[in-house]
Amino acid sequence: MASASIVSTPSSVTSAGYVALCHGQQWLRLRRASRRPAAARRHVRPGLVFAAVFLVLGIPLAVRHPWLLLAAAACGPFVAVNTLYARVNRERALPNGLAAVVPACGMLLVAGRLGGAGLPWAPAAACLLYFWGTVPYVKTMIRERRSAGYRRASAAHHAVALVAATLLSPWLALPFAGYLARAVALPGRGVKVPVVGAVEIAGSAALLLTLLLVF
């Protein structure tokens, strides 16, 4: 029983569920978009395996913490949006990316309550502001790099996010000012994709460090 309780952790349950969901959505996407049935079938076995792992680990955790079922239900609409976009082979659509960010940031609330720290609304909101902004920003750097509309929308979001984050904590103005600066200055400059990724890793690390120091 002790070993089972160690294995059945929120991170292991979430990881198994995420992988199972990814395989399921890829099966849906390839089943409609690909002319090769084998491309879709290769996702069936790992999807079922990870779904079984999710249930085996998740049920004991839900028995100990029934409120997790409400948290899972709250994630349901966003997962449904992602599944719908996968089914129509439009996973890179802007609404799909924005929907995927919400339950990911919501996991901070789940982890906080399970860890006895209550519900860390401010850190979760800061994460949501940042990661929501990465969705349109990365598009301005790659797929929508020629779209003036995307650039304006990305800059507008980051300006609003800077104000909102400052209201959460004045210290958050530091990283969010940097996010706004990169959203305005970098699009259209021909930055290579690996550099775009490196900048976002640095941005995520800056947010994590700030949240750890402030909250």
Protein backbone atom coordinates (compact mmCIF):
# COMPACT_ATOMS: atom_id res chain seq x y z
CA MET A 1 0.00 0.00 0.00
CA ALA A 2 2.83 2.37 0.83
CA SER A 3 4.52 1.79 -2.52
CA ALA A 4 1.23 2.31 -4.35
CA SER A 5 0.68 5.63 -2.57
CA ILE A 6 4.14 6.78 -3.61
CA VAL A 7 3.56 5.90 -7.27
CA SER A 8 0.04 7.35 -7.33
CA THR A 9 1.06 11.00 -7.23
CA PRO A 10 -0.58 13.95 -9.00
CA SER A 11 2.40 14.28 -11.33
CA SER A 12 2.36 10.61 -12.35
CA VAL A 13 -1.42 10.63 -12.85
CA THR A 14 -1.30 13.85 -14.86
CA SER A 15 1.58 12.61 -16.99
CA ALA A 16 -0.17 9.34 -17.80
CA GLY A 17 -3.41 11.13 -18.61
CA TYR A 18 -1.66 13.68 -20.79
CA VAL A 19 0.19 11.04 -22.82
CA ALA A 20 -2.98 8.96 -23.23
CA LEU A 21 -4.89 12.02 -24.38
CA CYS A 22 -2.18 12.97 -26.87
CA HIS A 23 -2.22 9.51 -28.42
CA GLY A 24 -6.01 9.54 -28.56
CA GLN A 25 -6.11 12.92 -30.26
CA GLN A 26 -3.42 11.89 -32.75
CA TRP A 27 -5.45 8.77 -33.55
CA LEU A 28 -8.47 10.98 -34.24
CA ARG A 29 -6.44 13.39 -36.38
CA LEU A 30 -4.65 10.79 -38.46
CA ARG A 31 -7.75 8.66 -38.86
CA ARG A 32 -9.35 11.52 -40.81
CA ALA A 33 -6.36 13.32 -42.28
CA SER A 34 -4.11 10.45 -43.36
CA ARG A 35 -4.60 7.98 -46.15
CA ARG A 36 -2.40 5.49 -44.32
CA PRO A 37 -4.44 3.59 -41.67
CA ALA A 38 -1.23 2.39 -40.01
CA ALA A 39 -0.32 5.98 -39.12
CA ALA A 40 -3.41 6.17 -36.93
CA ARG A 41 -3.26 2.62 -35.59
CA ARG A 42 0.22 3.07 -34.14
CA HIS A 43 -1.28 5.39 -31.52
CA VAL A 44 -3.90 2.89 -30.31
CA ARG A 45 -1.74 0.60 -28.17
CA PRO A 46 0.25 3.32 -26.32
CA GLY A 47 -2.94 5.30 -25.87
CA LEU A 48 -4.71 2.36 -24.23
CA VAL A 49 -1.67 1.51 -22.08
CA PHE A 50 -1.35 5.02 -20.71
CA ALA A 51 -5.11 5.29 -20.25
CA ALA A 52 -4.97 2.13 -18.12
CA VAL A 53 -2.06 3.56 -16.12
CA PHE A 54 -4.04 6.77 -15.64
CA LEU A 55 -7.02 4.86 -14.25
CA VAL A 56 -4.95 2.57 -12.02
CA LEU A 57 -3.07 5.49 -10.49
CA GLY A 58 -5.85 8.05 -10.65
CA ILE A 59 -8.68 6.14 -8.97
CA PRO A 60 -6.86 5.70 -5.61
CA LEU A 61 -5.87 9.37 -5.67
CA ALA A 62 -9.46 10.43 -6.39
CA VAL A 63 -10.70 8.21 -3.55
CA ARG A 64 -8.38 10.00 -1.14
CA HIS A 65 -9.19 13.44 -2.58
CA PRO A 66 -12.70 13.42 -4.11
CA TRP A 67 -12.49 17.11 -5.02
CA LEU A 68 -10.08 16.09 -7.78
CA LEU A 69 -13.11 14.88 -9.71
CA LEU A 70 -14.40 18.47 -9.76
CA ALA A 71 -11.01 19.67 -10.96
CA ALA A 72 -11.08 17.07 -13.73
CA ALA A 73 -14.59 18.16 -14.71
CA ALA A 74 -13.41 21.78 -14.89
CA CYS A 75 -10.72 20.69 -17.36
CA GLY A 76 -13.28 18.82 -19.45
CA PRO A 77 -14.43 21.69 -21.71
CA PHE A 78 -10.87 22.64 -22.60
CA VAL A 79 -9.93 19.04 -23.35
CA ALA A 80 -13.05 18.81 -25.50
CA VAL A 81 -11.92 21.85 -27.51
CA ASN A 82 -8.48 20.32 -28.05
CA THR A 83 -10.05 17.01 -29.10
CA LEU A 84 -12.37 18.73 -31.56
CA TYR A 85 -9.50 20.61 -33.19
CA ALA A 86 -7.49 17.39 -33.38
CA ARG A 87 -10.40 15.66 -35.06
CA VAL A 88 -10.56 18.30 -37.80
CA ASN A 89 -6.75 18.42 -38.10
CA ARG A 90 -6.43 22.03 -36.92
CA GLU A 91 -4.30 21.60 -33.83
CA ARG A 92 -2.29 24.75 -34.58
CA ALA A 93 -5.37 26.98 -34.52
CA LEU A 94 -5.14 29.88 -32.08
CA PRO A 95 -8.21 28.90 -29.98
CA ASN A 96 -6.83 25.39 -29.63
CA GLY A 97 -3.55 26.66 -28.22
CA LEU A 98 -5.27 29.06 -25.82
CA ALA A 99 -7.58 26.30 -24.59
CA ALA A 100 -4.66 23.94 -23.95
CA VAL A 101 -2.96 26.49 -21.69
CA VAL A 102 -5.84 26.78 -19.22
CA PRO A 103 -5.86 23.29 -17.64
CA ALA A 104 -2.05 23.22 -17.71
CA CYS A 105 -1.90 26.36 -15.57
CA GLY A 106 -4.79 25.08 -13.48
CA MET A 107 -2.59 22.21 -12.34
CA LEU A 108 -0.79 24.74 -10.15
CA LEU A 109 -4.00 25.15 -8.16
CA VAL A 110 -4.35 21.38 -7.84
CA ALA A 111 -0.74 20.98 -6.72
CA GLY A 112 -1.07 23.82 -4.23
CA ARG A 113 -4.14 22.35 -2.57
CA LEU A 114 -2.73 18.85 -2.47
CA GLY A 115 0.48 20.22 -0.96
CA GLY A 116 -1.39 22.06 1.78
CA ALA A 117 -0.64 25.53 0.42
CA GLY A 118 -4.23 26.38 -0.38
CA LEU A 119 -5.12 27.69 -3.83
CA PRO A 120 -2.28 29.82 -5.26
CA TRP A 121 -4.50 31.96 -7.45
CA ALA A 122 -1.95 34.72 -8.09
CA PRO A 123 0.85 32.43 -9.34
CA ALA A 124 -1.65 30.48 -11.46
CA ALA A 125 -2.98 33.72 -12.95
CA ALA A 126 0.56 34.90 -13.70
CA CYS A 127 1.31 31.63 -15.48
CA LEU A 128 -1.91 31.93 -17.47
CA LEU A 129 -1.06 35.49 -18.54
CA TYR A 130 2.41 34.45 -19.68
CA PHE A 131 1.59 31.20 -21.44
CA TRP A 132 -1.50 32.64 -23.11
CA GLY A 133 0.79 35.29 -24.53
CA THR A 134 3.24 32.74 -25.90
CA VAL A 135 0.56 31.31 -28.19
CA PRO A 136 0.08 34.36 -30.45
CA TYR A 137 3.68 35.50 -29.98
CA VAL A 138 5.22 32.26 -31.26
CA LYS A 139 2.86 32.42 -34.24
CA THR A 140 4.19 35.89 -35.08
CA MET A 141 7.68 34.36 -35.14
CA ILE A 142 6.90 31.31 -37.28
CA ARG A 143 3.59 30.55 -39.00
CA GLU A 144 2.10 34.06 -38.91
CA ARG A 145 5.35 36.00 -39.20
CA ARG A 146 3.95 38.05 -42.08
CA SER A 147 0.66 38.87 -40.35
CA ALA A 148 0.42 42.44 -39.05
CA GLY A 149 -2.85 41.51 -37.32
CA TYR A 150 -1.19 38.80 -35.27
CA ARG A 151 1.60 41.17 -34.29
CA ARG A 152 -0.85 43.79 -33.09
CA ALA A 153 -2.90 41.22 -31.19
CA SER A 154 0.23 39.77 -29.56
CA ALA A 155 1.51 43.20 -28.53
CA ALA A 156 -1.93 44.17 -27.19
CA HIS A 157 -2.15 41.02 -25.08
CA HIS A 158 1.30 41.56 -23.63
CA ALA A 159 0.48 45.16 -22.76
CA VAL A 160 -2.66 44.07 -20.92
CA ALA A 161 -0.77 41.20 -19.29
CA LEU A 162 1.87 43.61 -17.99
CA VAL A 163 -0.78 45.68 -16.26
CA ALA A 164 -2.60 42.64 -14.88
CA ALA A 165 0.60 41.00 -13.64
CA THR A 166 1.68 44.21 -11.92
CA LEU A 167 -1.61 44.21 -10.03
CA LEU A 168 -0.84 40.67 -8.84
CA SER A 169 2.61 41.78 -7.64
CA PRO A 170 4.77 44.79 -8.59
CA TRP A 171 7.72 42.41 -8.92
CA LEU A 172 5.99 40.64 -11.79
CA ALA A 173 6.31 43.83 -13.81
CA LEU A 174 9.98 42.95 -14.39
CA PRO A 175 9.55 39.72 -16.38
CA PHE A 176 6.32 40.87 -18.02
CA ALA A 177 7.97 44.06 -19.26
CA GLY A 178 10.54 41.80 -20.90
CA TYR A 179 7.79 39.70 -22.46
CA LEU A 180 6.18 42.81 -23.90
CA ALA A 181 9.52 44.05 -25.24
CA ARG A 182 10.24 40.77 -27.05
CA ALA A 183 6.69 40.63 -28.46
CA VAL A 184 7.16 44.09 -29.97
CA ALA A 185 10.82 43.94 -31.00
CA LEU A 186 11.49 40.43 -32.29
CA PRO A 187 8.75 39.64 -34.86
CA GLY A 188 9.86 40.36 -38.41
CA ARG A 189 13.58 40.19 -37.64
CA GLY A 190 14.17 36.72 -39.04
CA VAL A 191 14.97 35.10 -35.70
CA LYS A 192 15.68 31.40 -36.15
CA VAL A 193 13.33 28.86 -34.59
CA PRO A 194 15.90 27.47 -32.09
CA VAL A 195 16.52 31.00 -30.85
CA VAL A 196 12.77 31.56 -30.47
CA GLY A 197 12.63 28.42 -28.32
CA ALA A 198 15.64 29.47 -26.26
CA VAL A 199 14.07 32.87 -25.57
CA GLU A 200 10.88 31.19 -24.34
CA ILE A 201 12.83 28.84 -22.09
CA ALA A 202 14.55 31.86 -20.58
CA GLY A 203 11.17 33.58 -20.21
CA SER A 204 9.67 30.58 -18.44
CA ALA A 205 12.68 30.36 -16.11
CA ALA A 206 12.39 34.07 -15.30
CA LEU A 207 8.72 33.65 -14.42
CA LEU A 208 9.43 30.59 -12.26
CA LEU A 209 12.20 32.37 -10.38
CA THR A 210 10.05 35.43 -9.81
CA LEU A 211 7.12 33.37 -8.54
CA LEU A 212 9.37 31.42 -6.16
CA LEU A 213 10.86 34.62 -4.74
CA VAL A 214 7.59 36.57 -4.49
CA PHE A 215 5.04 33.95 -3.48
